[in-house]
């Protein structure tokens, strides 16, 4: 910030309490980019695309997830897990012989499969948790309640 001149038109430096005023001033001084006609035409295109069935919406989401994760390399030492609900997490974690013929659960943030991991450092070292297979892009984790230090 020391190298940015105060009179720069490309950069605006302000404190948090004056941010709204600065944005409002820019908004009021700049000309509109789209005319009312352009906005109406865009709205008419988008409204047709939003009036679709739930199945079509889900197919669209699945297509996006498939394209997003097509080039993601498999993680080292990642073990896919079977889907479990919150009440069954403890029994599934302790029962390693449970069949895993169903699809792994997905990350609620990005839609990637969750994998079973073991913490190597810190206070939780040795404890297992579910982590997103899209790490480090997505850092979602879900702790498993079975701790190694509990009897």
N, C-alpha and C. Protein backbone atom coordinates (compact mmCIF):
# COMPACT_ATOMS: atom_id res chain seq x y z
N UNK A 1 0.81 -1.20 0.00
CA UNK A 1 0.00 0.00 0.00
C UNK A 1 0.86 1.27 0.00
N UNK A 2 2.07 1.15 0.49
CA UNK A 2 2.93 2.33 0.52
C UNK A 2 3.30 2.79 -0.88
N UNK A 3 3.34 1.86 -1.83
CA UNK A 3 3.75 2.19 -3.20
C UNK A 3 2.59 2.64 -4.07
N UNK A 4 1.35 2.53 -3.59
CA UNK A 4 0.19 2.95 -4.36
C UNK A 4 -0.05 4.43 -4.12
N UNK A 5 -0.06 5.25 -5.19
CA UNK A 5 -0.29 6.67 -4.97
C UNK A 5 -1.73 6.94 -4.54
N UNK A 6 -1.93 7.97 -3.75
CA UNK A 6 -3.25 8.32 -3.25
C UNK A 6 -4.22 8.72 -4.35
N UNK A 7 -3.68 9.27 -5.44
CA UNK A 7 -4.54 9.76 -6.51
C UNK A 7 -4.74 8.75 -7.65
N UNK A 8 -4.44 7.50 -7.40
CA UNK A 8 -4.59 6.46 -8.42
C UNK A 8 -6.06 6.22 -8.73
N UNK A 9 -6.41 6.15 -10.02
CA UNK A 9 -7.79 5.90 -10.41
C UNK A 9 -8.08 4.41 -10.47
N UNK A 10 -7.05 3.59 -10.56
CA UNK A 10 -7.23 2.15 -10.66
C UNK A 10 -7.39 1.50 -9.28
N UNK A 11 -6.88 2.18 -8.24
CA UNK A 11 -6.91 1.61 -6.90
C UNK A 11 -7.51 2.62 -5.94
N UNK A 12 -8.43 2.15 -5.11
CA UNK A 12 -9.02 3.02 -4.10
C UNK A 12 -8.68 2.45 -2.74
N UNK A 13 -8.10 3.26 -1.89
CA UNK A 13 -7.75 2.84 -0.55
C UNK A 13 -8.70 3.53 0.41
N UNK A 14 -9.36 2.73 1.24
CA UNK A 14 -10.29 3.31 2.21
C UNK A 14 -10.40 2.40 3.42
N UNK A 15 -10.90 2.96 4.49
CA UNK A 15 -11.15 2.18 5.69
C UNK A 15 -12.49 1.48 5.55
N UNK A 16 -12.68 0.46 6.34
CA UNK A 16 -13.88 -0.36 6.25
C UNK A 16 -15.16 0.46 6.43
N UNK A 17 -15.14 1.41 7.35
CA UNK A 17 -16.36 2.17 7.61
C UNK A 17 -16.75 3.11 6.47
N UNK A 18 -15.83 3.42 5.57
CA UNK A 18 -16.16 4.27 4.42
C UNK A 18 -16.30 3.48 3.12
N UNK A 19 -16.22 2.18 3.20
CA UNK A 19 -16.27 1.35 1.99
C UNK A 19 -17.61 1.50 1.26
N UNK A 20 -18.70 1.46 1.98
CA UNK A 20 -20.02 1.57 1.34
C UNK A 20 -20.14 2.89 0.59
N UNK A 21 -19.70 3.98 1.21
CA UNK A 21 -19.77 5.30 0.56
C UNK A 21 -18.95 5.32 -0.72
N UNK A 22 -17.75 4.73 -0.68
CA UNK A 22 -16.89 4.70 -1.87
C UNK A 22 -17.54 3.91 -3.00
N UNK A 23 -18.09 2.74 -2.66
CA UNK A 23 -18.73 1.91 -3.69
C UNK A 23 -19.94 2.63 -4.26
N UNK A 24 -20.75 3.26 -3.41
CA UNK A 24 -21.93 3.98 -3.86
C UNK A 24 -21.54 5.14 -4.78
N UNK A 25 -20.43 5.83 -4.46
CA UNK A 25 -19.96 6.95 -5.27
C UNK A 25 -19.54 6.46 -6.66
N UNK A 26 -18.82 5.35 -6.70
CA UNK A 26 -18.41 4.77 -7.99
C UNK A 26 -19.65 4.36 -8.78
N UNK A 27 -20.59 3.71 -8.13
CA UNK A 27 -21.81 3.25 -8.77
C UNK A 27 -22.58 4.43 -9.38
N UNK A 28 -22.67 5.52 -8.64
CA UNK A 28 -23.44 6.68 -9.10
C UNK A 28 -22.73 7.44 -10.23
N UNK A 29 -21.41 7.42 -10.25
CA UNK A 29 -20.69 8.21 -11.25
C UNK A 29 -20.48 7.47 -12.56
N UNK A 30 -20.38 6.15 -12.54
CA UNK A 30 -20.15 5.40 -13.77
C UNK A 30 -21.45 5.25 -14.56
N UNK A 31 -21.35 5.26 -15.89
CA UNK A 31 -22.56 5.05 -16.70
C UNK A 31 -22.99 3.59 -16.63
N UNK A 32 -24.28 3.35 -16.90
CA UNK A 32 -24.80 1.99 -16.90
C UNK A 32 -24.20 1.22 -18.07
N UNK A 33 -23.81 -0.02 -17.83
CA UNK A 33 -23.23 -0.84 -18.87
C UNK A 33 -24.31 -1.45 -19.75
N UNK A 34 -25.42 -1.86 -19.15
CA UNK A 34 -26.51 -2.49 -19.89
C UNK A 34 -27.73 -1.58 -19.90
N UNK A 35 -28.39 -1.55 -21.03
CA UNK A 35 -29.63 -0.79 -21.12
C UNK A 35 -30.77 -1.64 -20.55
N UNK A 36 -31.92 -1.02 -20.33
CA UNK A 36 -33.08 -1.76 -19.86
C UNK A 36 -33.46 -2.86 -20.85
N UNK A 37 -33.30 -2.58 -22.12
CA UNK A 37 -33.62 -3.57 -23.17
C UNK A 37 -32.69 -4.79 -23.07
N UNK A 38 -31.38 -4.54 -22.85
CA UNK A 38 -30.42 -5.64 -22.69
C UNK A 38 -30.75 -6.49 -21.46
N UNK A 39 -31.12 -5.83 -20.38
CA UNK A 39 -31.45 -6.53 -19.14
C UNK A 39 -32.69 -7.40 -19.35
N UNK A 40 -33.69 -6.85 -20.02
CA UNK A 40 -34.93 -7.60 -20.27
C UNK A 40 -34.67 -8.80 -21.17
N UNK A 41 -33.83 -8.64 -22.19
CA UNK A 41 -33.51 -9.75 -23.09
C UNK A 41 -32.76 -10.85 -22.33
N UNK A 42 -31.82 -10.48 -21.49
CA UNK A 42 -31.09 -11.48 -20.70
C UNK A 42 -32.02 -12.18 -19.73
N UNK A 43 -32.90 -11.44 -19.10
CA UNK A 43 -33.87 -12.02 -18.18
C UNK A 43 -34.75 -13.05 -18.89
N UNK A 44 -35.22 -12.73 -20.08
CA UNK A 44 -36.08 -13.66 -20.83
C UNK A 44 -35.35 -14.94 -21.20
N UNK A 45 -34.08 -14.84 -21.48
CA UNK A 45 -33.29 -16.05 -21.78
C UNK A 45 -33.12 -16.89 -20.52
N UNK A 46 -32.77 -16.25 -19.42
CA UNK A 46 -32.50 -16.99 -18.19
C UNK A 46 -33.76 -17.58 -17.56
N UNK A 47 -34.89 -16.91 -17.68
CA UNK A 47 -36.11 -17.42 -17.05
C UNK A 47 -36.54 -18.73 -17.69
N UNK A 48 -36.31 -18.90 -18.98
CA UNK A 48 -36.64 -20.17 -19.64
C UNK A 48 -35.76 -21.30 -19.11
N UNK A 49 -34.52 -20.98 -18.76
CA UNK A 49 -33.59 -22.00 -18.29
C UNK A 49 -33.82 -22.38 -16.84
N UNK A 50 -34.51 -21.53 -16.09
CA UNK A 50 -34.76 -21.85 -14.69
C UNK A 50 -36.05 -22.64 -14.49
N UNK A 51 -36.92 -22.64 -15.46
CA UNK A 51 -38.18 -23.38 -15.37
C UNK A 51 -37.99 -24.78 -15.94
N UNK A 52 -37.18 -25.59 -15.26
CA UNK A 52 -36.93 -26.97 -15.69
C UNK A 52 -37.22 -27.89 -14.51
N UNK A 53 -37.31 -29.18 -14.82
CA UNK A 53 -37.62 -30.15 -13.76
C UNK A 53 -36.41 -30.36 -12.85
N UNK A 54 -36.68 -30.96 -11.69
CA UNK A 54 -35.59 -31.26 -10.75
C UNK A 54 -34.61 -32.25 -11.35
N UNK A 55 -35.09 -33.17 -12.16
CA UNK A 55 -34.21 -34.15 -12.80
C UNK A 55 -33.24 -33.47 -13.76
N UNK A 56 -33.74 -32.47 -14.51
CA UNK A 56 -32.87 -31.74 -15.43
C UNK A 56 -31.83 -30.93 -14.66
N UNK A 57 -32.23 -30.33 -13.54
CA UNK A 57 -31.29 -29.57 -12.72
C UNK A 57 -30.20 -30.48 -12.17
N UNK A 58 -30.59 -31.67 -11.68
CA UNK A 58 -29.61 -32.61 -11.13
C UNK A 58 -28.67 -33.11 -12.22
N UNK A 59 -29.20 -33.37 -13.42
CA UNK A 59 -28.36 -33.81 -14.53
C UNK A 59 -27.34 -32.73 -14.88
N UNK A 60 -27.75 -31.47 -14.82
CA UNK A 60 -26.85 -30.35 -15.10
C UNK A 60 -25.75 -30.28 -14.04
N UNK A 61 -26.11 -30.42 -12.77
CA UNK A 61 -25.13 -30.39 -11.69
C UNK A 61 -24.14 -31.55 -11.83
N UNK A 62 -24.65 -32.74 -12.14
CA UNK A 62 -23.78 -33.91 -12.32
C UNK A 62 -22.81 -33.69 -13.48
N UNK A 63 -23.30 -33.08 -14.55
CA UNK A 63 -22.44 -32.81 -15.71
C UNK A 63 -21.32 -31.85 -15.34
N UNK A 64 -21.64 -30.82 -14.58
CA UNK A 64 -20.63 -29.85 -14.15
C UNK A 64 -19.60 -30.53 -13.24
N UNK A 65 -20.08 -31.34 -12.28
CA UNK A 65 -19.16 -32.03 -11.38
C UNK A 65 -18.26 -32.99 -12.14
N UNK A 66 -18.80 -33.68 -13.12
CA UNK A 66 -18.00 -34.62 -13.91
C UNK A 66 -16.91 -33.88 -14.67
N UNK A 67 -17.25 -32.75 -15.29
CA UNK A 67 -16.25 -31.97 -16.01
C UNK A 67 -15.22 -31.37 -15.08
N UNK A 68 -15.64 -30.94 -13.91
CA UNK A 68 -14.72 -30.31 -12.96
C UNK A 68 -13.70 -31.30 -12.40
N UNK A 69 -14.11 -32.55 -12.25
CA UNK A 69 -13.24 -33.54 -11.62
C UNK A 69 -12.64 -34.52 -12.61
N UNK A 70 -12.80 -34.27 -13.89
CA UNK A 70 -12.27 -35.17 -14.91
C UNK A 70 -10.76 -35.24 -14.86
N UNK A 71 -10.10 -34.11 -14.66
CA UNK A 71 -8.64 -34.06 -14.69
C UNK A 71 -8.01 -34.09 -13.31
N UNK A 72 -8.78 -34.40 -12.27
CA UNK A 72 -8.24 -34.46 -10.92
C UNK A 72 -7.55 -35.81 -10.74
N UNK A 73 -6.24 -35.81 -10.45
CA UNK A 73 -5.54 -37.08 -10.27
C UNK A 73 -5.97 -37.75 -8.97
N UNK A 74 -5.95 -39.10 -8.92
CA UNK A 74 -6.31 -39.77 -7.67
C UNK A 74 -5.28 -39.46 -6.60
N UNK A 75 -5.75 -39.35 -5.36
CA UNK A 75 -4.86 -39.01 -4.26
C UNK A 75 -4.08 -40.22 -3.79
N UNK A 76 -2.86 -39.96 -3.34
CA UNK A 76 -2.03 -41.00 -2.76
C UNK A 76 -2.59 -41.39 -1.40
N UNK A 77 -2.62 -42.67 -1.11
CA UNK A 77 -3.07 -43.20 0.18
C UNK A 77 -4.51 -42.83 0.52
N UNK A 78 -5.31 -42.50 -0.48
CA UNK A 78 -6.71 -42.16 -0.22
C UNK A 78 -7.56 -43.42 -0.36
N UNK A 79 -8.39 -43.68 0.62
CA UNK A 79 -9.26 -44.84 0.62
C UNK A 79 -10.69 -44.35 0.53
N UNK A 80 -11.44 -44.70 -0.56
CA UNK A 80 -12.82 -44.27 -0.63
C UNK A 80 -13.63 -44.92 0.48
N UNK A 81 -14.63 -44.22 0.97
CA UNK A 81 -15.45 -44.75 2.05
C UNK A 81 -16.87 -44.93 1.57
N UNK A 82 -17.59 -45.80 2.24
CA UNK A 82 -18.98 -46.01 1.87
C UNK A 82 -19.83 -44.96 2.56
N UNK A 83 -21.01 -44.64 1.98
CA UNK A 83 -21.83 -43.60 2.59
C UNK A 83 -22.41 -44.07 3.91
N UNK A 84 -22.36 -43.19 4.89
CA UNK A 84 -22.94 -43.48 6.20
C UNK A 84 -23.64 -42.23 6.67
N UNK A 85 -24.67 -42.39 7.44
CA UNK A 85 -25.30 -41.20 8.01
C UNK A 85 -24.63 -40.90 9.34
N UNK A 86 -24.92 -39.76 9.91
CA UNK A 86 -24.23 -39.31 11.12
C UNK A 86 -24.38 -40.28 12.28
N UNK A 87 -25.54 -40.92 12.42
CA UNK A 87 -25.74 -41.83 13.55
C UNK A 87 -24.97 -43.13 13.38
N UNK A 88 -24.64 -43.49 12.14
CA UNK A 88 -23.95 -44.74 11.90
C UNK A 88 -22.46 -44.57 11.68
N UNK A 89 -21.93 -43.36 11.83
CA UNK A 89 -20.52 -43.13 11.58
C UNK A 89 -19.64 -43.93 12.53
N UNK A 90 -20.00 -43.99 13.79
CA UNK A 90 -19.16 -44.69 14.76
C UNK A 90 -19.09 -46.17 14.45
N UNK A 91 -20.21 -46.80 14.16
CA UNK A 91 -20.19 -48.24 13.90
C UNK A 91 -19.50 -48.55 12.58
N UNK A 92 -19.66 -47.69 11.59
CA UNK A 92 -19.01 -47.94 10.30
C UNK A 92 -17.50 -47.76 10.43
N UNK A 93 -17.06 -46.83 11.23
CA UNK A 93 -15.63 -46.61 11.40
C UNK A 93 -14.98 -47.76 12.14
N UNK A 94 -15.69 -48.35 13.10
CA UNK A 94 -15.11 -49.44 13.86
C UNK A 94 -15.25 -50.78 13.16
N UNK A 95 -16.18 -50.90 12.24
CA UNK A 95 -16.41 -52.15 11.54
C UNK A 95 -15.76 -52.08 10.16
N UNK A 96 -14.49 -52.48 10.08
CA UNK A 96 -13.75 -52.38 8.84
C UNK A 96 -14.17 -53.42 7.82
N UNK A 97 -14.88 -54.47 8.22
CA UNK A 97 -15.27 -55.51 7.30
C UNK A 97 -16.60 -55.24 6.63
N UNK A 98 -17.16 -54.05 6.81
CA UNK A 98 -18.45 -53.71 6.19
C UNK A 98 -18.29 -53.65 4.68
N UNK A 99 -19.27 -54.13 3.93
CA UNK A 99 -19.15 -54.09 2.47
C UNK A 99 -19.16 -52.66 1.95
N UNK A 100 -18.33 -52.41 0.94
CA UNK A 100 -18.22 -51.07 0.38
C UNK A 100 -18.59 -51.10 -1.10
N UNK A 101 -19.75 -51.62 -1.42
CA UNK A 101 -20.15 -51.73 -2.80
C UNK A 101 -21.04 -50.57 -3.24
N UNK A 102 -21.22 -49.57 -2.41
CA UNK A 102 -21.99 -48.41 -2.78
C UNK A 102 -21.05 -47.23 -3.03
N UNK A 103 -21.56 -46.20 -3.68
CA UNK A 103 -20.75 -45.03 -4.01
C UNK A 103 -20.34 -44.30 -2.74
N UNK A 104 -19.13 -43.73 -2.71
CA UNK A 104 -18.69 -42.99 -1.52
C UNK A 104 -19.51 -41.71 -1.37
N UNK A 105 -19.62 -41.19 -0.13
CA UNK A 105 -20.35 -39.95 0.06
C UNK A 105 -19.61 -38.79 -0.61
N UNK A 106 -20.33 -37.74 -0.86
CA UNK A 106 -19.73 -36.61 -1.56
C UNK A 106 -19.56 -35.43 -0.62
N UNK A 107 -18.61 -34.59 -0.95
CA UNK A 107 -18.33 -33.38 -0.19
C UNK A 107 -19.49 -32.41 -0.35
N UNK A 108 -20.01 -31.86 0.75
CA UNK A 108 -21.11 -30.92 0.62
C UNK A 108 -20.70 -29.58 0.02
N UNK A 109 -19.41 -29.30 -0.01
CA UNK A 109 -18.94 -28.02 -0.55
C UNK A 109 -18.70 -28.08 -2.05
N UNK A 110 -18.02 -29.15 -2.53
CA UNK A 110 -17.64 -29.17 -3.95
C UNK A 110 -18.16 -30.37 -4.72
N UNK A 111 -18.72 -31.38 -4.04
CA UNK A 111 -19.28 -32.52 -4.73
C UNK A 111 -18.30 -33.64 -5.01
N UNK A 112 -17.06 -33.54 -4.58
CA UNK A 112 -16.07 -34.60 -4.77
C UNK A 112 -16.31 -35.71 -3.76
N UNK A 113 -15.82 -36.93 -4.05
CA UNK A 113 -15.96 -38.02 -3.06
C UNK A 113 -15.16 -37.72 -1.80
N UNK A 114 -15.67 -38.17 -0.67
CA UNK A 114 -14.93 -38.06 0.59
C UNK A 114 -14.09 -39.32 0.76
N UNK A 115 -12.93 -39.17 1.38
CA UNK A 115 -12.04 -40.30 1.62
C UNK A 115 -11.73 -40.38 3.11
N UNK A 116 -11.45 -41.59 3.58
CA UNK A 116 -11.10 -41.82 4.97
C UNK A 116 -9.61 -41.54 5.14
N UNK A 117 -9.27 -40.68 6.08
CA UNK A 117 -7.87 -40.31 6.31
C UNK A 117 -7.53 -40.46 7.79
N UNK A 118 -6.24 -40.45 8.08
CA UNK A 118 -5.76 -40.52 9.45
C UNK A 118 -4.86 -39.32 9.70
N UNK A 119 -5.14 -38.57 10.76
CA UNK A 119 -4.33 -37.40 11.11
C UNK A 119 -2.94 -37.85 11.52
N UNK A 120 -1.92 -37.18 11.00
CA UNK A 120 -0.54 -37.56 11.30
C UNK A 120 0.11 -36.63 12.30
N UNK A 121 -0.42 -35.42 12.47
CA UNK A 121 0.20 -34.43 13.34
C UNK A 121 -0.85 -33.81 14.25
N UNK A 122 -0.37 -33.10 15.25
CA UNK A 122 -1.24 -32.31 16.11
C UNK A 122 -1.94 -33.12 17.18
N UNK A 123 -2.91 -32.51 17.82
CA UNK A 123 -3.63 -33.12 18.93
C UNK A 123 -4.47 -34.31 18.47
N UNK A 124 -4.85 -34.36 17.22
CA UNK A 124 -5.67 -35.45 16.70
C UNK A 124 -4.86 -36.52 15.99
N UNK A 125 -3.56 -36.56 16.17
CA UNK A 125 -2.71 -37.54 15.49
C UNK A 125 -3.20 -38.95 15.78
N UNK A 126 -3.36 -39.73 14.72
CA UNK A 126 -3.82 -41.11 14.85
C UNK A 126 -5.33 -41.25 14.71
N UNK A 127 -6.07 -40.18 14.83
CA UNK A 127 -7.53 -40.24 14.70
C UNK A 127 -7.92 -40.18 13.22
N UNK A 128 -9.02 -40.84 12.89
CA UNK A 128 -9.49 -40.85 11.52
C UNK A 128 -10.54 -39.77 11.30
N UNK A 129 -10.61 -39.31 10.05
CA UNK A 129 -11.61 -38.31 9.68
C UNK A 129 -11.90 -38.46 8.20
N UNK A 130 -13.01 -37.90 7.77
CA UNK A 130 -13.34 -37.87 6.35
C UNK A 130 -12.81 -36.57 5.78
N UNK A 131 -12.11 -36.65 4.66
CA UNK A 131 -11.60 -35.46 4.01
C UNK A 131 -11.97 -35.46 2.54
N UNK A 132 -12.06 -34.28 1.97
CA UNK A 132 -12.42 -34.15 0.56
C UNK A 132 -11.27 -34.64 -0.31
N UNK A 133 -11.61 -35.39 -1.36
CA UNK A 133 -10.58 -35.89 -2.27
C UNK A 133 -10.04 -34.79 -3.16
N UNK A 134 -10.66 -33.63 -3.13
CA UNK A 134 -10.24 -32.51 -3.95
C UNK A 134 -9.27 -31.61 -3.19
N UNK A 135 -8.70 -32.10 -2.07
CA UNK A 135 -7.73 -31.34 -1.29
C UNK A 135 -6.52 -31.06 -2.17
N UNK A 136 -5.91 -29.92 -2.18
CA UNK A 136 -6.07 -28.75 -1.32
C UNK A 136 -7.06 -27.71 -1.85
N UNK A 137 -7.67 -27.94 -3.01
CA UNK A 137 -8.64 -26.96 -3.51
C UNK A 137 -9.82 -26.84 -2.57
N UNK A 138 -10.26 -27.96 -2.02
CA UNK A 138 -11.36 -27.95 -1.06
C UNK A 138 -10.82 -28.56 0.23
N UNK A 139 -11.04 -27.92 1.36
CA UNK A 139 -10.48 -28.37 2.63
C UNK A 139 -11.55 -28.88 3.59
N UNK A 140 -12.66 -29.40 3.05
CA UNK A 140 -13.73 -29.91 3.90
C UNK A 140 -13.26 -31.15 4.66
N UNK A 141 -13.55 -31.21 5.95
CA UNK A 141 -13.29 -32.40 6.77
C UNK A 141 -14.49 -32.66 7.66
N UNK A 142 -14.63 -33.93 8.04
CA UNK A 142 -15.69 -34.33 8.95
C UNK A 142 -15.07 -35.32 9.93
N UNK A 143 -14.97 -34.93 11.19
CA UNK A 143 -14.32 -35.76 12.20
C UNK A 143 -15.16 -37.00 12.51
N UNK A 144 -14.48 -38.08 12.85
CA UNK A 144 -15.13 -39.31 13.31
C UNK A 144 -15.02 -39.29 14.83
N UNK A 145 -16.09 -39.64 15.49
CA UNK A 145 -16.14 -39.54 16.95
C UNK A 145 -15.27 -40.57 17.67
N UNK A 146 -14.96 -41.71 17.04
CA UNK A 146 -14.13 -42.72 17.70
C UNK A 146 -12.71 -42.19 17.82
N UNK A 147 -12.26 -41.94 18.99
CA UNK A 147 -10.90 -41.45 19.22
C UNK A 147 -10.03 -42.60 19.72
N UNK A 148 -8.74 -42.53 19.35
CA UNK A 148 -7.84 -43.60 19.76
C UNK A 148 -7.58 -43.59 21.26
N UNK A 149 -7.78 -42.41 21.91
CA UNK A 149 -7.48 -42.33 23.33
C UNK A 149 -8.69 -42.69 24.21
N UNK A 150 -9.85 -43.02 23.60
CA UNK A 150 -11.00 -43.43 24.39
C UNK A 150 -11.03 -44.95 24.45
N UNK A 151 -11.48 -45.52 25.59
CA UNK A 151 -11.47 -46.98 25.72
C UNK A 151 -12.53 -47.64 24.86
